[in-house]
Amino acid sequence: MATLLLAVGRLRPAFREACDEYLARLRRYDPGDERQIKEAPATASPGEQRRTEGRRLLEKVPARALVIALDREGTAWSSEALARALDGWRQAARPLVLVIGGSTGLDEAVLSRADHRWSFGPLTLPHELARVVALEQWYRAWTILRGERYHK
C-alpha cells in the first residue's frame, strides 16, 4: 500500500525539513509520496480560494482511492485508534490519500469526496504545522502496527 499526501501550498524551510524527516522514516513502511498543490491567489475570497484549491486537489485523487481529509469537524483518533484504522485501510487494497487544505481549509467538494475526516481536536493549527503533525502521526501509526519502540 502506498499513501499519497496531497497538500495545498509550499512549505517554509523549517516545516519542509520536518516533513522530509518523517517522509524518509515512513518510506521504510510505506512507499508513499507527497504532492503539493498550488495555492489559490490571495486576492480571491476565502470561498473562491477553497473552491479553486479543492478542484486542484480532487484532480490529483486517483480513481478508487480511499480519501482521508484533515478537518476540524472530523474524528479525533488517538494514535492507537489511527493505527487500527490504518491497518484496516491497508487491507482494503485501495490507493490511500491524505488531504490537507490550505490556510482557508478544505472545500465542501473535497470533504464530500472524503471517506473519513480526521481531526486533531479543537485546536487551530497553521496548515504547514498540520502537515508535519499528520506525517508524524502516520509514522507513529506504522510503528505501533510493527510493535516498534517509537510509541511510548
N, C-alpha and C. Protein backbone atom coordinates (compact mmCIF):
# COMPACT_ATOMS: atom_id res chain seq x y z
N MET A 1 0.84 -1.18 0.00
CA MET A 1 0.00 0.00 0.00
C MET A 1 0.88 1.23 0.00
N ALA A 2 0.55 2.17 -0.83
CA ALA A 2 1.27 3.44 -0.88
C ALA A 2 0.29 4.57 -0.57
N THR A 3 0.69 5.43 0.32
CA THR A 3 -0.13 6.58 0.69
C THR A 3 0.32 7.79 -0.10
N LEU A 4 -0.63 8.56 -0.59
CA LEU A 4 -0.35 9.82 -1.26
C LEU A 4 -0.83 10.93 -0.33
N LEU A 5 0.06 11.85 0.00
CA LEU A 5 -0.30 13.04 0.76
C LEU A 5 -0.48 14.17 -0.23
N LEU A 6 -1.68 14.71 -0.30
CA LEU A 6 -1.97 15.88 -1.13
C LEU A 6 -2.16 17.06 -0.20
N ALA A 7 -1.38 18.10 -0.40
CA ALA A 7 -1.46 19.26 0.49
C ALA A 7 -1.36 20.54 -0.31
N VAL A 8 -2.08 21.55 0.12
CA VAL A 8 -2.07 22.84 -0.55
C VAL A 8 -0.89 23.66 -0.05
N GLY A 9 -0.13 24.20 -0.98
CA GLY A 9 0.92 25.16 -0.65
C GLY A 9 2.29 24.56 -0.43
N ARG A 10 3.27 25.41 -0.68
CA ARG A 10 4.65 25.04 -0.41
C ARG A 10 4.96 25.33 1.04
N LEU A 11 5.89 24.58 1.58
CA LEU A 11 6.27 24.75 2.98
C LEU A 11 7.49 25.64 3.11
N ARG A 12 7.51 26.43 4.17
CA ARG A 12 8.72 27.18 4.50
C ARG A 12 9.79 26.19 4.96
N PRO A 13 11.06 26.58 4.89
CA PRO A 13 12.16 25.62 5.11
C PRO A 13 12.08 24.78 6.38
N ALA A 14 11.76 25.35 7.51
CA ALA A 14 11.74 24.57 8.76
C ALA A 14 10.66 23.49 8.70
N PHE A 15 9.49 23.81 8.16
CA PHE A 15 8.41 22.84 8.03
C PHE A 15 8.77 21.79 6.97
N ARG A 16 9.41 22.24 5.89
CA ARG A 16 9.82 21.30 4.84
C ARG A 16 10.81 20.28 5.39
N GLU A 17 11.75 20.75 6.20
CA GLU A 17 12.74 19.85 6.80
C GLU A 17 12.07 18.81 7.71
N ALA A 18 11.12 19.26 8.51
CA ALA A 18 10.42 18.33 9.41
C ALA A 18 9.61 17.32 8.61
N CYS A 19 8.91 17.76 7.58
CA CYS A 19 8.13 16.83 6.75
C CYS A 19 9.04 15.84 6.05
N ASP A 20 10.15 16.31 5.54
CA ASP A 20 11.08 15.42 4.85
C ASP A 20 11.62 14.35 5.79
N GLU A 21 11.85 14.72 7.05
CA GLU A 21 12.33 13.76 8.04
C GLU A 21 11.31 12.63 8.21
N TYR A 22 10.03 12.98 8.38
CA TYR A 22 9.01 11.95 8.58
C TYR A 22 8.72 11.18 7.29
N LEU A 23 8.80 11.84 6.15
CA LEU A 23 8.62 11.12 4.89
C LEU A 23 9.72 10.07 4.72
N ALA A 24 10.95 10.43 5.06
CA ALA A 24 12.05 9.46 4.96
C ALA A 24 11.83 8.28 5.90
N ARG A 25 11.39 8.55 7.11
CA ARG A 25 11.11 7.47 8.06
C ARG A 25 9.96 6.59 7.56
N LEU A 26 8.92 7.22 7.03
CA LEU A 26 7.75 6.49 6.56
C LEU A 26 8.07 5.54 5.41
N ARG A 27 9.02 5.91 4.60
CA ARG A 27 9.31 5.10 3.41
C ARG A 27 9.83 3.71 3.77
N ARG A 28 10.19 3.48 5.02
CA ARG A 28 10.55 2.12 5.45
C ARG A 28 9.33 1.21 5.45
N TYR A 29 8.14 1.79 5.59
CA TYR A 29 6.90 1.02 5.69
C TYR A 29 5.95 1.26 4.52
N ASP A 30 6.01 2.44 3.97
CA ASP A 30 5.01 2.90 3.02
C ASP A 30 5.73 3.69 1.92
N PRO A 31 5.73 3.17 0.69
CA PRO A 31 6.45 3.86 -0.38
C PRO A 31 5.69 5.07 -0.93
N GLY A 32 4.94 5.71 -0.08
CA GLY A 32 4.08 6.81 -0.49
C GLY A 32 4.80 8.01 -1.04
N ASP A 33 4.01 9.01 -1.38
CA ASP A 33 4.53 10.22 -1.99
C ASP A 33 3.75 11.42 -1.47
N GLU A 34 4.31 12.57 -1.70
CA GLU A 34 3.68 13.83 -1.32
C GLU A 34 3.60 14.70 -2.56
N ARG A 35 2.44 15.32 -2.75
CA ARG A 35 2.28 16.28 -3.84
C ARG A 35 1.72 17.57 -3.27
N GLN A 36 2.38 18.64 -3.61
CA GLN A 36 1.92 19.95 -3.17
C GLN A 36 1.08 20.57 -4.29
N ILE A 37 -0.06 21.12 -3.91
CA ILE A 37 -0.99 21.74 -4.84
C ILE A 37 -0.81 23.25 -4.70
N LYS A 38 -0.77 23.92 -5.84
CA LYS A 38 -0.59 25.38 -5.84
C LYS A 38 -1.75 26.07 -5.12
N GLU A 39 -1.38 27.02 -4.27
CA GLU A 39 -2.40 27.80 -3.56
C GLU A 39 -3.16 28.69 -4.53
N ALA A 40 -4.40 28.98 -4.22
CA ALA A 40 -5.20 29.93 -4.99
C ALA A 40 -4.67 31.33 -4.73
N PRO A 41 -4.92 32.25 -5.63
CA PRO A 41 -4.45 33.63 -5.41
C PRO A 41 -4.99 34.21 -4.11
N ALA A 42 -4.14 34.91 -3.39
CA ALA A 42 -4.54 35.51 -2.11
C ALA A 42 -5.57 36.61 -2.31
N THR A 43 -5.69 37.12 -3.52
CA THR A 43 -6.66 38.18 -3.79
C THR A 43 -8.08 37.65 -3.90
N ALA A 44 -8.23 36.35 -4.06
CA ALA A 44 -9.56 35.75 -4.14
C ALA A 44 -10.19 35.69 -2.75
N SER A 45 -11.50 35.61 -2.71
CA SER A 45 -12.20 35.48 -1.43
C SER A 45 -11.87 34.11 -0.84
N PRO A 46 -12.03 33.94 0.49
CA PRO A 46 -11.76 32.63 1.09
C PRO A 46 -12.57 31.50 0.44
N GLY A 47 -13.82 31.76 0.11
CA GLY A 47 -14.64 30.73 -0.54
C GLY A 47 -14.09 30.35 -1.90
N GLU A 48 -13.68 31.34 -2.68
CA GLU A 48 -13.11 31.06 -4.00
C GLU A 48 -11.76 30.36 -3.86
N GLN A 49 -10.99 30.73 -2.85
CA GLN A 49 -9.72 30.02 -2.62
C GLN A 49 -9.99 28.54 -2.35
N ARG A 50 -10.95 28.24 -1.47
CA ARG A 50 -11.28 26.84 -1.17
C ARG A 50 -11.75 26.10 -2.41
N ARG A 51 -12.62 26.74 -3.22
CA ARG A 51 -13.12 26.08 -4.43
C ARG A 51 -11.99 25.79 -5.42
N THR A 52 -11.13 26.77 -5.65
CA THR A 52 -10.02 26.60 -6.59
C THR A 52 -9.08 25.50 -6.10
N GLU A 53 -8.69 25.58 -4.83
CA GLU A 53 -7.78 24.57 -4.28
C GLU A 53 -8.45 23.20 -4.25
N GLY A 54 -9.73 23.17 -3.95
CA GLY A 54 -10.47 21.92 -3.92
C GLY A 54 -10.48 21.23 -5.28
N ARG A 55 -10.71 22.01 -6.34
CA ARG A 55 -10.68 21.43 -7.70
C ARG A 55 -9.29 20.86 -7.99
N ARG A 56 -8.27 21.60 -7.62
CA ARG A 56 -6.90 21.13 -7.87
C ARG A 56 -6.59 19.86 -7.09
N LEU A 57 -7.05 19.79 -5.86
CA LEU A 57 -6.84 18.58 -5.05
C LEU A 57 -7.57 17.39 -5.66
N LEU A 58 -8.83 17.56 -5.98
CA LEU A 58 -9.62 16.44 -6.49
C LEU A 58 -9.10 15.92 -7.82
N GLU A 59 -8.49 16.79 -8.63
CA GLU A 59 -7.89 16.35 -9.90
C GLU A 59 -6.75 15.36 -9.67
N LYS A 60 -6.13 15.40 -8.50
CA LYS A 60 -4.98 14.54 -8.20
C LYS A 60 -5.33 13.27 -7.45
N VAL A 61 -6.60 13.13 -7.05
CA VAL A 61 -7.01 11.94 -6.31
C VAL A 61 -7.18 10.78 -7.29
N PRO A 62 -6.44 9.69 -7.10
CA PRO A 62 -6.57 8.54 -8.01
C PRO A 62 -7.97 7.90 -7.92
N ALA A 63 -8.36 7.28 -9.02
CA ALA A 63 -9.63 6.57 -9.04
C ALA A 63 -9.63 5.50 -7.95
N ARG A 64 -10.77 5.26 -7.36
CA ARG A 64 -10.97 4.25 -6.32
C ARG A 64 -10.23 4.53 -5.02
N ALA A 65 -9.61 5.68 -4.90
CA ALA A 65 -8.83 5.96 -3.70
C ALA A 65 -9.73 6.11 -2.48
N LEU A 66 -9.19 5.68 -1.35
CA LEU A 66 -9.80 5.91 -0.06
C LEU A 66 -9.20 7.23 0.43
N VAL A 67 -10.05 8.22 0.67
CA VAL A 67 -9.60 9.58 0.98
C VAL A 67 -9.85 9.90 2.44
N ILE A 68 -8.80 10.38 3.10
CA ILE A 68 -8.89 10.86 4.48
C ILE A 68 -8.56 12.35 4.45
N ALA A 69 -9.52 13.17 4.81
CA ALA A 69 -9.34 14.62 4.79
C ALA A 69 -9.12 15.14 6.20
N LEU A 70 -8.13 16.00 6.37
CA LEU A 70 -7.95 16.65 7.66
C LEU A 70 -9.00 17.74 7.78
N ASP A 71 -9.80 17.63 8.84
CA ASP A 71 -10.93 18.53 9.01
C ASP A 71 -11.23 18.65 10.50
N ARG A 72 -11.34 19.85 11.00
CA ARG A 72 -11.55 20.01 12.44
C ARG A 72 -12.88 19.43 12.91
N GLU A 73 -13.80 19.18 11.99
CA GLU A 73 -15.08 18.55 12.35
C GLU A 73 -15.01 17.03 12.26
N GLY A 74 -13.84 16.49 11.97
CA GLY A 74 -13.69 15.05 11.80
C GLY A 74 -13.52 14.32 13.12
N THR A 75 -13.08 13.09 13.01
CA THR A 75 -12.86 12.23 14.17
C THR A 75 -11.47 12.46 14.74
N ALA A 76 -11.41 12.67 16.04
CA ALA A 76 -10.12 12.88 16.72
C ALA A 76 -9.65 11.52 17.25
N TRP A 77 -8.92 10.78 16.41
CA TRP A 77 -8.42 9.47 16.80
C TRP A 77 -7.22 9.58 17.73
N SER A 78 -7.11 8.66 18.64
CA SER A 78 -5.85 8.51 19.38
C SER A 78 -4.84 7.89 18.41
N SER A 79 -3.58 7.89 18.79
CA SER A 79 -2.56 7.28 17.94
C SER A 79 -2.85 5.79 17.73
N GLU A 80 -3.29 5.13 18.78
CA GLU A 80 -3.61 3.70 18.68
C GLU A 80 -4.81 3.47 17.77
N ALA A 81 -5.83 4.32 17.88
CA ALA A 81 -7.01 4.18 17.02
C ALA A 81 -6.65 4.45 15.56
N LEU A 82 -5.78 5.42 15.33
CA LEU A 82 -5.33 5.68 13.97
C LEU A 82 -4.59 4.46 13.42
N ALA A 83 -3.77 3.84 14.23
CA ALA A 83 -3.04 2.64 13.79
C ALA A 83 -4.02 1.53 13.42
N ARG A 84 -5.05 1.33 14.22
CA ARG A 84 -6.05 0.30 13.91
C ARG A 84 -6.78 0.62 12.60
N ALA A 85 -7.11 1.90 12.42
CA ALA A 85 -7.77 2.31 11.18
C ALA A 85 -6.84 2.10 9.98
N LEU A 86 -5.59 2.48 10.13
CA LEU A 86 -4.61 2.28 9.06
C LEU A 86 -4.49 0.81 8.70
N ASP A 87 -4.50 -0.05 9.71
CA ASP A 87 -4.42 -1.49 9.46
C ASP A 87 -5.59 -1.96 8.60
N GLY A 88 -6.77 -1.47 8.88
CA GLY A 88 -7.93 -1.83 8.07
C GLY A 88 -7.87 -1.25 6.67
N TRP A 89 -7.44 0.00 6.57
CA TRP A 89 -7.36 0.64 5.26
C TRP A 89 -6.35 -0.04 4.35
N ARG A 90 -5.23 -0.44 4.90
CA ARG A 90 -4.20 -1.05 4.06
C ARG A 90 -4.66 -2.42 3.56
N GLN A 91 -5.52 -3.07 4.30
CA GLN A 91 -6.04 -4.36 3.85
C GLN A 91 -7.14 -4.21 2.79
N ALA A 92 -7.66 -3.01 2.63
CA ALA A 92 -8.70 -2.77 1.63
C ALA A 92 -8.14 -2.75 0.21
N ALA A 93 -6.83 -2.69 0.07
CA ALA A 93 -6.15 -2.73 -1.24
C ALA A 93 -6.63 -1.64 -2.19
N ARG A 94 -6.84 -0.45 -1.63
CA ARG A 94 -7.19 0.72 -2.44
C ARG A 94 -6.11 1.76 -2.24
N PRO A 95 -5.88 2.62 -3.26
CA PRO A 95 -4.96 3.74 -3.02
C PRO A 95 -5.46 4.56 -1.84
N LEU A 96 -4.55 5.04 -1.02
CA LEU A 96 -4.90 5.81 0.17
C LEU A 96 -4.37 7.22 0.01
N VAL A 97 -5.24 8.21 0.22
CA VAL A 97 -4.87 9.61 0.03
C VAL A 97 -5.20 10.40 1.28
N LEU A 98 -4.20 11.08 1.83
CA LEU A 98 -4.41 12.06 2.91
C LEU A 98 -4.49 13.43 2.26
N VAL A 99 -5.50 14.22 2.61
CA VAL A 99 -5.69 15.53 2.00
C VAL A 99 -5.65 16.60 3.08
N ILE A 100 -4.79 17.61 2.85
CA ILE A 100 -4.67 18.74 3.77
C ILE A 100 -4.89 20.02 2.98
N GLY A 101 -5.86 20.81 3.41
CA GLY A 101 -6.17 22.05 2.73
C GLY A 101 -5.18 23.16 3.04
N GLY A 102 -5.43 24.29 2.45
CA GLY A 102 -4.61 25.47 2.67
C GLY A 102 -5.08 26.26 3.87
N SER A 103 -4.70 27.51 3.93
CA SER A 103 -4.99 28.34 5.10
C SER A 103 -6.48 28.63 5.28
N THR A 104 -7.28 28.46 4.22
CA THR A 104 -8.73 28.69 4.35
C THR A 104 -9.49 27.38 4.53
N GLY A 105 -8.80 26.26 4.61
CA GLY A 105 -9.46 24.98 4.83
C GLY A 105 -9.77 24.24 3.55
N LEU A 106 -10.61 23.22 3.65
CA LEU A 106 -10.98 22.39 2.51
C LEU A 106 -12.37 22.75 2.01
N ASP A 107 -12.52 22.70 0.71
CA ASP A 107 -13.81 22.94 0.08
C ASP A 107 -14.77 21.79 0.40
N GLU A 108 -16.04 22.09 0.40
CA GLU A 108 -17.06 21.07 0.68
C GLU A 108 -16.99 19.92 -0.32
N ALA A 109 -16.60 20.19 -1.56
CA ALA A 109 -16.48 19.12 -2.56
C ALA A 109 -15.44 18.09 -2.13
N VAL A 110 -14.35 18.55 -1.54
CA VAL A 110 -13.30 17.64 -1.06
C VAL A 110 -13.82 16.87 0.15
N LEU A 111 -14.46 17.57 1.07
CA LEU A 111 -14.99 16.91 2.26
C LEU A 111 -16.06 15.88 1.88
N SER A 112 -16.85 16.17 0.86
CA SER A 112 -17.87 15.21 0.41
C SER A 112 -17.23 13.98 -0.21
N ARG A 113 -16.11 14.16 -0.87
CA ARG A 113 -15.40 13.03 -1.50
C ARG A 113 -14.68 12.16 -0.47
N ALA A 114 -14.38 12.74 0.69
CA ALA A 114 -13.61 12.02 1.71
C ALA A 114 -14.40 10.84 2.27
N ASP A 115 -13.70 9.73 2.44
CA ASP A 115 -14.28 8.56 3.09
C ASP A 115 -14.24 8.71 4.61
N HIS A 116 -13.23 9.44 5.08
CA HIS A 116 -13.05 9.69 6.52
C HIS A 116 -12.53 11.11 6.70
N ARG A 117 -12.90 11.70 7.83
CA ARG A 117 -12.39 13.03 8.20
C ARG A 117 -11.63 12.87 9.52
N TRP A 118 -10.42 13.39 9.51
CA TRP A 118 -9.51 13.25 10.66
C TRP A 118 -9.31 14.62 11.28
N SER A 119 -9.54 14.71 12.57
CA SER A 119 -9.38 15.97 13.29
C SER A 119 -8.25 15.85 14.30
N PHE A 120 -7.52 16.92 14.47
CA PHE A 120 -6.51 17.00 15.53
C PHE A 120 -7.13 17.60 16.79
N GLY A 121 -8.44 17.64 16.85
CA GLY A 121 -9.13 18.18 18.01
C GLY A 121 -9.53 19.62 17.76
N PRO A 122 -9.93 20.33 18.81
CA PRO A 122 -10.44 21.68 18.64
C PRO A 122 -9.36 22.74 18.39
N LEU A 123 -8.11 22.35 18.40
CA LEU A 123 -7.04 23.32 18.16
C LEU A 123 -7.08 23.84 16.73
N THR A 124 -6.67 25.09 16.56
CA THR A 124 -6.46 25.64 15.23
C THR A 124 -4.96 25.64 15.00
N LEU A 125 -4.52 24.93 13.96
CA LEU A 125 -3.10 24.85 13.64
C LEU A 125 -2.84 25.48 12.29
N PRO A 126 -1.67 26.09 12.10
CA PRO A 126 -1.31 26.52 10.75
C PRO A 126 -1.26 25.28 9.85
N HIS A 127 -1.69 25.42 8.60
CA HIS A 127 -1.75 24.25 7.73
C HIS A 127 -0.36 23.63 7.51
N GLU A 128 0.70 24.43 7.60
CA GLU A 128 2.05 23.88 7.47
C GLU A 128 2.38 22.95 8.64
N LEU A 129 2.01 23.36 9.84
CA LEU A 129 2.26 22.54 11.02
C LEU A 129 1.36 21.30 11.01
N ALA A 130 0.14 21.46 10.53
CA ALA A 130 -0.76 20.31 10.43
C ALA A 130 -0.16 19.22 9.54
N ARG A 131 0.55 19.62 8.51
CA ARG A 131 1.18 18.62 7.63
C ARG A 131 2.26 17.86 8.38
N VAL A 132 3.05 18.56 9.18
CA VAL A 132 4.09 17.90 9.98
C VAL A 132 3.44 16.93 10.97
N VAL A 133 2.41 17.37 11.67
CA VAL A 133 1.73 16.53 12.65
C VAL A 133 1.11 15.30 11.98
N ALA A 134 0.49 15.49 10.82
CA ALA A 134 -0.12 14.36 10.12
C ALA A 134 0.93 13.33 9.74
N LEU A 135 2.06 13.77 9.22
CA LEU A 135 3.12 12.82 8.84
C LEU A 135 3.71 12.13 10.07
N GLU A 136 3.89 12.87 11.14
CA GLU A 136 4.43 12.25 12.35
C GLU A 136 3.47 11.20 12.88
N GLN A 137 2.18 11.50 12.89
CA GLN A 137 1.20 10.55 13.39
C GLN A 137 1.05 9.34 12.46
N TRP A 138 1.19 9.56 11.17
CA TRP A 138 1.15 8.45 10.21
C TRP A 138 2.34 7.53 10.46
N TYR A 139 3.50 8.13 10.67
CA TYR A 139 4.69 7.34 11.00
C TYR A 139 4.49 6.59 12.33
N ARG A 140 3.97 7.27 13.32
CA ARG A 140 3.72 6.65 14.63
C ARG A 140 2.76 5.48 14.48
N ALA A 141 1.72 5.64 13.68
CA ALA A 141 0.76 4.55 13.47
C ALA A 141 1.46 3.32 12.89
N TRP A 142 2.35 3.53 11.95
CA TRP A 142 3.09 2.40 11.38
C TRP A 142 3.96 1.72 12.43
N THR A 143 4.61 2.52 13.29
CA THR A 143 5.47 1.91 14.31
C THR A 143 4.64 1.15 15.33
N ILE A 144 3.43 1.61 15.61
CA ILE A 144 2.54 0.88 16.52
C ILE A 144 2.18 -0.46 15.89
N LEU A 145 1.82 -0.44 14.61
CA LEU A 145 1.46 -1.68 13.93
C LEU A 145 2.62 -2.67 13.90
N ARG A 146 3.84 -2.17 13.83
CA ARG A 146 5.02 -3.03 13.77
C ARG A 146 5.56 -3.41 15.15
N GLY A 147 4.95 -2.86 16.19
CA GLY A 147 5.39 -3.16 17.54
C GLY A 147 6.75 -2.56 17.88
N GLU A 148 7.07 -1.45 17.25
CA GLU A 148 8.37 -0.80 17.49
C GLU A 148 8.31 0.14 18.69
N ARG A 149 9.46 0.52 19.17
CA ARG A 149 9.58 1.28 20.42
C ARG A 149 9.30 2.78 20.26
N TYR A 150 9.09 3.30 19.10
CA TYR A 150 8.90 4.74 18.91
C TYR A 150 7.73 5.25 19.77
N HIS A 151 6.63 4.52 19.75
CA HIS A 151 5.45 4.94 20.51
C HIS A 151 5.57 4.46 21.96
N LYS A 152 5.47 5.38 22.89
CA LYS A 152 5.60 5.03 24.31
C LYS A 152 4.32 5.30 25.04
